[in-house]
Amino acid sequence: MKIGFFGGTFDPVHPGHVHAIVEAKISLGLDKVICIPAKQSPLKKNAPTRDDHRLNMLELAIRDYGFMEIDDWEMTREGVSYTYDTAVHLQEEYPEDERYFLIGTDQYKSFEKWHRHEELLKLMDFVIMDRYSGEPISDDRFITINQPVIEISSTIIRDRIRDGEIVRHQLDPEVYQYVKENHLYEA
């Protein structure tokens, strides 16, 4: 089986995340994609929103995509979520499957800062979901797929909610409703 893994804080998950996953499934012929929400990203300073809220929003966002699943393994651990630890876990969990870890161009650019990054490349294939525009990425250590990108930012969504601005157009309707009902990201 060909499995893609897509990590992130998903704080909040938005249609740009879902769009990237679907495009990667099509490009790579993946059988399924497993979303892995991070407990705490090592490259982000601020703690994310509570785990249960992020998991609930992610479940709502992928509810109509039968090939998507969630693995909350990183959330069950304490401390910072290193992709290396997750890759070791996934290798033990899916030893017979083809494993592809999906990353964006921005993650590729900071990849040299990742914990044990050279060893990571031996544990699974890394796929850069590159945008059609800009300089093409040429790095033999990675698989690169070109895909259209929906430019939505979780940071901007959080900032706009905090400022009382409109964000309904940048969220799945059920995720938006969940955010409103739980007063997430409000000042």
Foldseek 3Di string as FASTA:
>chain_A
DAEEEEEEQCLPPWVLVVQLQVVCCVVVVHQAYEYEHAQAAPPDDDGGDDPVLNVVNVCVVCVPPPRYHYDDVNNVDDDGDAVVVVLVVVCVVCVPYAYEYEDEPVCVVCLVVGDVSVVSLVSHAYEYAYEPDDDDDDDVSHHYDYDHGDDDDSVVLLVCQQVVHDCCVTHDVVSVVSCVVVVPSHD
